Amino acid sequence: AVENFAGTGRVQGVRGLEATVQASQ
């Protein structure tokens, strides 16, 4: 999951990008 992608202001572009990777079995 990717959040804050291509934001505006202080988090413009990929600066504030948050990525979550989850593996499950």
PDB file of all heavy atoms in Angstrom:
ATOM      1  N   ALA A   1       0.856  -1.185   0.000  1.00  0.00           N
ATOM      2  CA  ALA A   1       0.000   0.000   0.000  1.00  0.00           C
ATOM      3  C   ALA A   1       0.893   1.236   0.000  1.00  0.00           C
ATOM      4  O   ALA A   1       1.926   1.278   0.668  1.00  0.00           O
ATOM      5  CB  ALA A   1      -0.905  -0.002   1.218  1.00  0.00           C
ATOM      6  N   VAL A   2       0.513   2.243  -0.777  1.00  0.00           N
ATOM      7  CA  VAL A   2       1.281   3.481  -0.886  1.00  0.00           C
ATOM      8  C   VAL A   2       0.357   4.628  -0.515  1.00  0.00           C
ATOM      9  O   VAL A   2      -0.762   4.733  -1.026  1.00  0.00           O
ATOM     10  CB  VAL A   2       1.828   3.664  -2.323  1.00  0.00           C
ATOM     11  CG1 VAL A   2       2.597   4.966  -2.426  1.00  0.00           C
ATOM     12  CG2 VAL A   2       2.700   2.496  -2.709  1.00  0.00           C
ATOM     13  N   GLU A   3       0.840   5.545   0.393  1.00  0.00           N
ATOM     14  CA  GLU A   3       0.057   6.704   0.819  1.00  0.00           C
ATOM     15  C   GLU A   3       0.869   7.975   0.577  1.00  0.00           C
ATOM     16  O   GLU A   3       2.091   7.941   0.522  1.00  0.00           O
ATOM     17  CB  GLU A   3      -0.291   6.588   2.305  1.00  0.00           C
ATOM     18  CG  GLU A   3      -1.182   5.413   2.619  1.00  0.00           C
ATOM     19  CD  GLU A   3      -1.459   5.293   4.107  1.00  0.00           C
ATOM     20  OE1 GLU A   3      -1.093   6.188   4.880  1.00  0.00           O
ATOM     21  OE2 GLU A   3      -2.024   4.256   4.493  1.00  0.00           O
ATOM     22  N   ASN A   4       0.175   9.100   0.491  1.00  0.00           N
ATOM     23  CA  ASN A   4       0.777  10.423   0.296  1.00  0.00           C
ATOM     24  C   ASN A   4       1.642  10.478  -0.962  1.00  0.00           C
ATOM     25  O   ASN A   4       2.708  11.079  -0.988  1.00  0.00           O
ATOM     26  CB  ASN A   4       1.612  10.850   1.527  1.00  0.00           C
ATOM     27  CG  ASN A   4       0.769  10.982   2.760  1.00  0.00           C
ATOM     28  OD1 ASN A   4      -0.423  11.279   2.672  1.00  0.00           O
ATOM     29  ND2 ASN A   4       1.375  10.757   3.921  1.00  0.00           N
ATOM     30  N   PHE A   5       1.183   9.844  -2.008  1.00  0.00           N
ATOM     31  CA  PHE A   5       1.913   9.858  -3.267  1.00  0.00           C
ATOM     32  C   PHE A   5       1.465  11.072  -4.056  1.00  0.00           C
ATOM     33  O   PHE A   5       0.271  11.323  -4.204  1.00  0.00           O
ATOM     34  CB  PHE A   5       1.614   8.570  -4.056  1.00  0.00           C
ATOM     35  CG  PHE A   5       2.315   8.508  -5.373  1.00  0.00           C
ATOM     36  CD1 PHE A   5       3.674   8.273  -5.432  1.00  0.00           C
ATOM     37  CD2 PHE A   5       1.631   8.702  -6.556  1.00  0.00           C
ATOM     38  CE1 PHE A   5       4.332   8.221  -6.641  1.00  0.00           C
ATOM     39  CE2 PHE A   5       2.277   8.657  -7.779  1.00  0.00           C
ATOM     40  CZ  PHE A   5       3.637   8.405  -7.816  1.00  0.00           C
ATOM     41  N   ALA A   6       2.401  11.853  -4.550  1.00  0.00           N
ATOM     42  CA  ALA A   6       2.154  13.069  -5.332  1.00  0.00           C
ATOM     43  C   ALA A   6       1.294  14.052  -4.547  1.00  0.00           C
ATOM     44  O   ALA A   6       0.305  14.586  -5.022  1.00  0.00           O
ATOM     45  CB  ALA A   6       1.519  12.726  -6.669  1.00  0.00           C
ATOM     46  N   GLY A   7       1.702  14.272  -3.321  1.00  0.00           N
ATOM     47  CA  GLY A   7       0.959  15.206  -2.472  1.00  0.00           C
ATOM     48  C   GLY A   7       1.216  16.646  -2.877  1.00  0.00           C
ATOM     49  O   GLY A   7       1.839  16.953  -3.893  1.00  0.00           O
ATOM     50  N   THR A   8       0.761  17.595  -2.029  1.00  0.00           N
ATOM     51  CA  THR A   8       0.943  19.026  -2.300  1.00  0.00           C
ATOM     52  C   THR A   8       1.628  19.667  -1.097  1.00  0.00           C
ATOM     53  O   THR A   8       1.651  19.120   0.005  1.00  0.00           O
ATOM     54  CB  THR A   8      -0.425  19.699  -2.542  1.00  0.00           C
ATOM     55  OG1 THR A   8      -1.222  19.529  -1.392  1.00  0.00           O
ATOM     56  CG2 THR A   8      -1.111  19.151  -3.765  1.00  0.00           C
ATOM     57  N   GLY A   9       2.150  20.833  -1.298  1.00  0.00           N
ATOM     58  CA  GLY A   9       2.785  21.579  -0.202  1.00  0.00           C
ATOM     59  C   GLY A   9       4.059  20.917   0.265  1.00  0.00           C
ATOM     60  O   GLY A   9       4.930  20.563  -0.514  1.00  0.00           O
ATOM     61  N   ARG A  10       4.146  20.739   1.604  1.00  0.00           N
ATOM     62  CA  ARG A  10       5.333  20.137   2.208  1.00  0.00           C
ATOM     63  C   ARG A  10       5.585  18.705   1.757  1.00  0.00           C
ATOM     64  O   ARG A  10       6.719  18.251   1.722  1.00  0.00           O
ATOM     65  CB  ARG A  10       5.145  20.138   3.728  1.00  0.00           C
ATOM     66  CG  ARG A  10       6.100  21.007   4.434  1.00  0.00           C
ATOM     67  CD  ARG A  10       5.970  20.932   5.936  1.00  0.00           C
ATOM     68  NE  ARG A  10       6.119  19.560   6.396  1.00  0.00           N
ATOM     69  CZ  ARG A  10       5.413  18.995   7.361  1.00  0.00           C
ATOM     70  NH1 ARG A  10       4.501  19.687   7.996  1.00  0.00           N
ATOM     71  NH2 ARG A  10       5.623  17.757   7.712  1.00  0.00           N
ATOM     72  N   VAL A  11       4.560  17.968   1.426  1.00  0.00           N
ATOM     73  CA  VAL A  11       4.705  16.559   1.025  1.00  0.00           C
ATOM     74  C   VAL A  11       4.553  16.402  -0.480  1.00  0.00           C
ATOM     75  O   VAL A  11       4.035  15.405  -0.964  1.00  0.00           O
ATOM     76  CB  VAL A  11       3.684  15.670   1.780  1.00  0.00           C
ATOM     77  CG1 VAL A  11       4.079  15.496   3.202  1.00  0.00           C
ATOM     78  CG2 VAL A  11       2.293  16.196   1.639  1.00  0.00           C
ATOM     79  N   GLN A  12       5.002  17.399  -1.220  1.00  0.00           N
ATOM     80  CA  GLN A  12       4.887  17.370  -2.668  1.00  0.00           C
ATOM     81  C   GLN A  12       5.796  16.303  -3.266  1.00  0.00           C
ATOM     82  O   GLN A  12       6.892  16.062  -2.758  1.00  0.00           O
ATOM     83  CB  GLN A  12       5.277  18.760  -3.205  1.00  0.00           C
ATOM     84  CG  GLN A  12       5.074  18.891  -4.680  1.00  0.00           C
ATOM     85  CD  GLN A  12       5.418  20.309  -5.145  1.00  0.00           C
ATOM     86  OE1 GLN A  12       6.071  21.065  -4.446  1.00  0.00           O
ATOM     87  NE2 GLN A  12       4.987  20.654  -6.337  1.00  0.00           N
ATOM     88  N   GLY A  13       5.318  15.646  -4.338  1.00  0.00           N
ATOM     89  CA  GLY A  13       6.103  14.607  -4.999  1.00  0.00           C
ATOM     90  C   GLY A  13       6.110  13.339  -4.166  1.00  0.00           C
ATOM     91  O   GLY A  13       5.092  12.913  -3.663  1.00  0.00           O
ATOM     92  N   VAL A  14       7.303  12.806  -3.952  1.00  0.00           N
ATOM     93  CA  VAL A  14       7.414  11.552  -3.206  1.00  0.00           C
ATOM     94  C   VAL A  14       8.078  11.780  -1.843  1.00  0.00           C
ATOM     95  O   VAL A  14       8.477  10.822  -1.187  1.00  0.00           O
ATOM     96  CB  VAL A  14       8.188  10.486  -4.026  1.00  0.00           C
ATOM     97  CG1 VAL A  14       7.375  10.017  -5.186  1.00  0.00           C
ATOM     98  CG2 VAL A  14       9.534  10.988  -4.453  1.00  0.00           C
ATOM     99  N   ARG A  15       8.190  13.043  -1.391  1.00  0.00           N
ATOM    100  CA  ARG A  15       8.845  13.330  -0.123  1.00  0.00           C
ATOM    101  C   ARG A  15       8.080  12.736   1.051  1.00  0.00           C
ATOM    102  O   ARG A  15       8.677  12.253   1.999  1.00  0.00           O
ATOM    103  CB  ARG A  15       8.961  14.839   0.085  1.00  0.00           C
ATOM    104  CG  ARG A  15       9.999  15.444  -0.789  1.00  0.00           C
ATOM    105  CD  ARG A  15      10.188  16.908  -0.434  1.00  0.00           C
ATOM    106  NE  ARG A  15      10.857  17.537  -1.545  1.00  0.00           N
ATOM    107  CZ  ARG A  15      10.635  18.752  -1.944  1.00  0.00           C
ATOM    108  NH1 ARG A  15       9.769  19.519  -1.332  1.00  0.00           N
ATOM    109  NH2 ARG A  15      11.295  19.240  -2.958  1.00  0.00           N
ATOM    110  N   GLY A  16       6.780  12.795   1.021  1.00  0.00           N
ATOM    111  CA  GLY A  16       5.987  12.288   2.147  1.00  0.00           C
ATOM    112  C   GLY A  16       5.420  10.903   1.882  1.00  0.00           C
ATOM    113  O   GLY A  16       4.474  10.470   2.533  1.00  0.00           O
ATOM    114  N   LEU A  17       6.007  10.196   0.933  1.00  0.00           N
ATOM    115  CA  LEU A  17       5.509   8.871   0.549  1.00  0.00           C
ATOM    116  C   LEU A  17       5.640   7.884   1.697  1.00  0.00           C
ATOM    117  O   LEU A  17       6.674   7.808   2.350  1.00  0.00           O
ATOM    118  CB  LEU A  17       6.299   8.362  -0.661  1.00  0.00           C
ATOM    119  CG  LEU A  17       5.934   6.969  -1.162  1.00  0.00           C
ATOM    120  CD1 LEU A  17       4.562   6.992  -1.809  1.00  0.00           C
ATOM    121  CD2 LEU A  17       6.969   6.476  -2.142  1.00  0.00           C
ATOM    122  N   GLU A  18       4.564   7.201   1.948  1.00  0.00           N
ATOM    123  CA  GLU A  18       4.572   6.145   2.954  1.00  0.00           C
ATOM    124  C   GLU A  18       4.180   4.851   2.258  1.00  0.00           C
ATOM    125  O   GLU A  18       3.157   4.785   1.596  1.00  0.00           O
ATOM    126  CB  GLU A  18       3.572   6.446   4.073  1.00  0.00           C
ATOM    127  CG  GLU A  18       3.924   7.668   4.886  1.00  0.00           C
ATOM    128  CD  GLU A  18       2.873   7.970   5.946  1.00  0.00           C
ATOM    129  OE1 GLU A  18       2.058   7.067   6.260  1.00  0.00           O
ATOM    130  OE2 GLU A  18       2.859   9.096   6.428  1.00  0.00           O
ATOM    131  N   ALA A  19       5.002   3.836   2.421  1.00  0.00           N
ATOM    132  CA  ALA A  19       4.721   2.539   1.792  1.00  0.00           C
ATOM    133  C   ALA A  19       4.605   1.488   2.890  1.00  0.00           C
ATOM    134  O   ALA A  19       5.393   1.480   3.838  1.00  0.00           O
ATOM    135  CB  ALA A  19       5.829   2.168   0.822  1.00  0.00           C
ATOM    136  N   THR A  20       3.611   0.639   2.742  1.00  0.00           N
ATOM    137  CA  THR A  20       3.423  -0.461   3.685  1.00  0.00           C
ATOM    138  C   THR A  20       3.429  -1.762   2.896  1.00  0.00           C
ATOM    139  O   THR A  20       2.714  -1.913   1.910  1.00  0.00           O
ATOM    140  CB  THR A  20       2.060  -0.323   4.411  1.00  0.00           C
ATOM    141  OG1 THR A  20       1.996   0.959   5.025  1.00  0.00           O
ATOM    142  CG2 THR A  20       1.906  -1.406   5.456  1.00  0.00           C
ATOM    143  N   VAL A  21       4.268  -2.699   3.319  1.00  0.00           N
ATOM    144  CA  VAL A  21       4.338  -4.012   2.678  1.00  0.00           C
ATOM    145  C   VAL A  21       3.974  -5.029   3.745  1.00  0.00           C
ATOM    146  O   VAL A  21       4.497  -4.994   4.855  1.00  0.00           O
ATOM    147  CB  VAL A  21       5.745  -4.287   2.122  1.00  0.00           C
ATOM    148  CG1 VAL A  21       5.813  -5.691   1.530  1.00  0.00           C
ATOM    149  CG2 VAL A  21       6.134  -3.236   1.093  1.00  0.00           C
ATOM    150  N   GLN A  22       3.055  -5.923   3.375  1.00  0.00           N
ATOM    151  CA  GLN A  22       2.601  -6.923   4.350  1.00  0.00           C
ATOM    152  C   GLN A  22       2.633  -8.301   3.691  1.00  0.00           C
ATOM    153  O   GLN A  22       2.112  -8.494   2.594  1.00  0.00           O
ATOM    154  CB  GLN A  22       1.164  -6.592   4.785  1.00  0.00           C
ATOM    155  CG  GLN A  22       0.587  -7.573   5.754  1.00  0.00           C
ATOM    156  CD  GLN A  22      -0.853  -7.213   6.125  1.00  0.00           C
ATOM    157  OE1 GLN A  22      -1.350  -6.159   5.740  1.00  0.00           O
ATOM    158  NE2 GLN A  22      -1.482  -8.073   6.866  1.00  0.00           N
ATOM    159  N   ALA A  23       3.255  -9.248   4.343  1.00  0.00           N
ATOM    160  CA  ALA A  23       3.283 -10.629   3.873  1.00  0.00           C
ATOM    161  C   ALA A  23       2.482 -11.467   4.858  1.00  0.00           C
ATOM    162  O   ALA A  23       2.583 -11.275   6.073  1.00  0.00           O
ATOM    163  CB  ALA A  23       4.714 -11.140   3.786  1.00  0.00           C
ATOM    164  N   SER A  24       1.673 -12.395   4.309  1.00  0.00           N
ATOM    165  CA  SER A  24       0.881 -13.247   5.195  1.00  0.00           C
ATOM    166  C   SER A  24       0.827 -14.660   4.633  1.00  0.00           C
ATOM    167  O   SER A  24       0.922 -14.874   3.429  1.00  0.00           O
ATOM    168  CB  SER A  24      -0.529 -12.684   5.362  1.00  0.00           C
ATOM    169  OG  SER A  24      -1.208 -12.667   4.134  1.00  0.00           O
ATOM    170  N   GLN A  25       0.699 -15.600   5.523  1.00  0.00           N
ATOM    171  CA  GLN A  25       0.587 -17.017   5.148  1.00  0.00           C
ATOM    172  C   GLN A  25      -0.496 -17.627   6.024  1.00  0.00           C
ATOM    173  O   GLN A  25      -0.450 -17.532   7.238  1.00  0.00           O
ATOM    174  CB  GLN A  25       1.922 -17.733   5.365  1.00  0.00           C
ATOM    175  CG  GLN A  25       1.864 -19.234   5.200  1.00  0.00           C
ATOM    176  CD  GLN A  25       1.652 -19.651   3.754  1.00  0.00           C
ATOM    177  OE1 GLN A  25       2.332 -19.142   2.874  1.00  0.00           O
ATOM    178  NE2 GLN A  25       0.710 -20.535   3.510  1.00  0.00           N
TER     179      GLN A  25
END
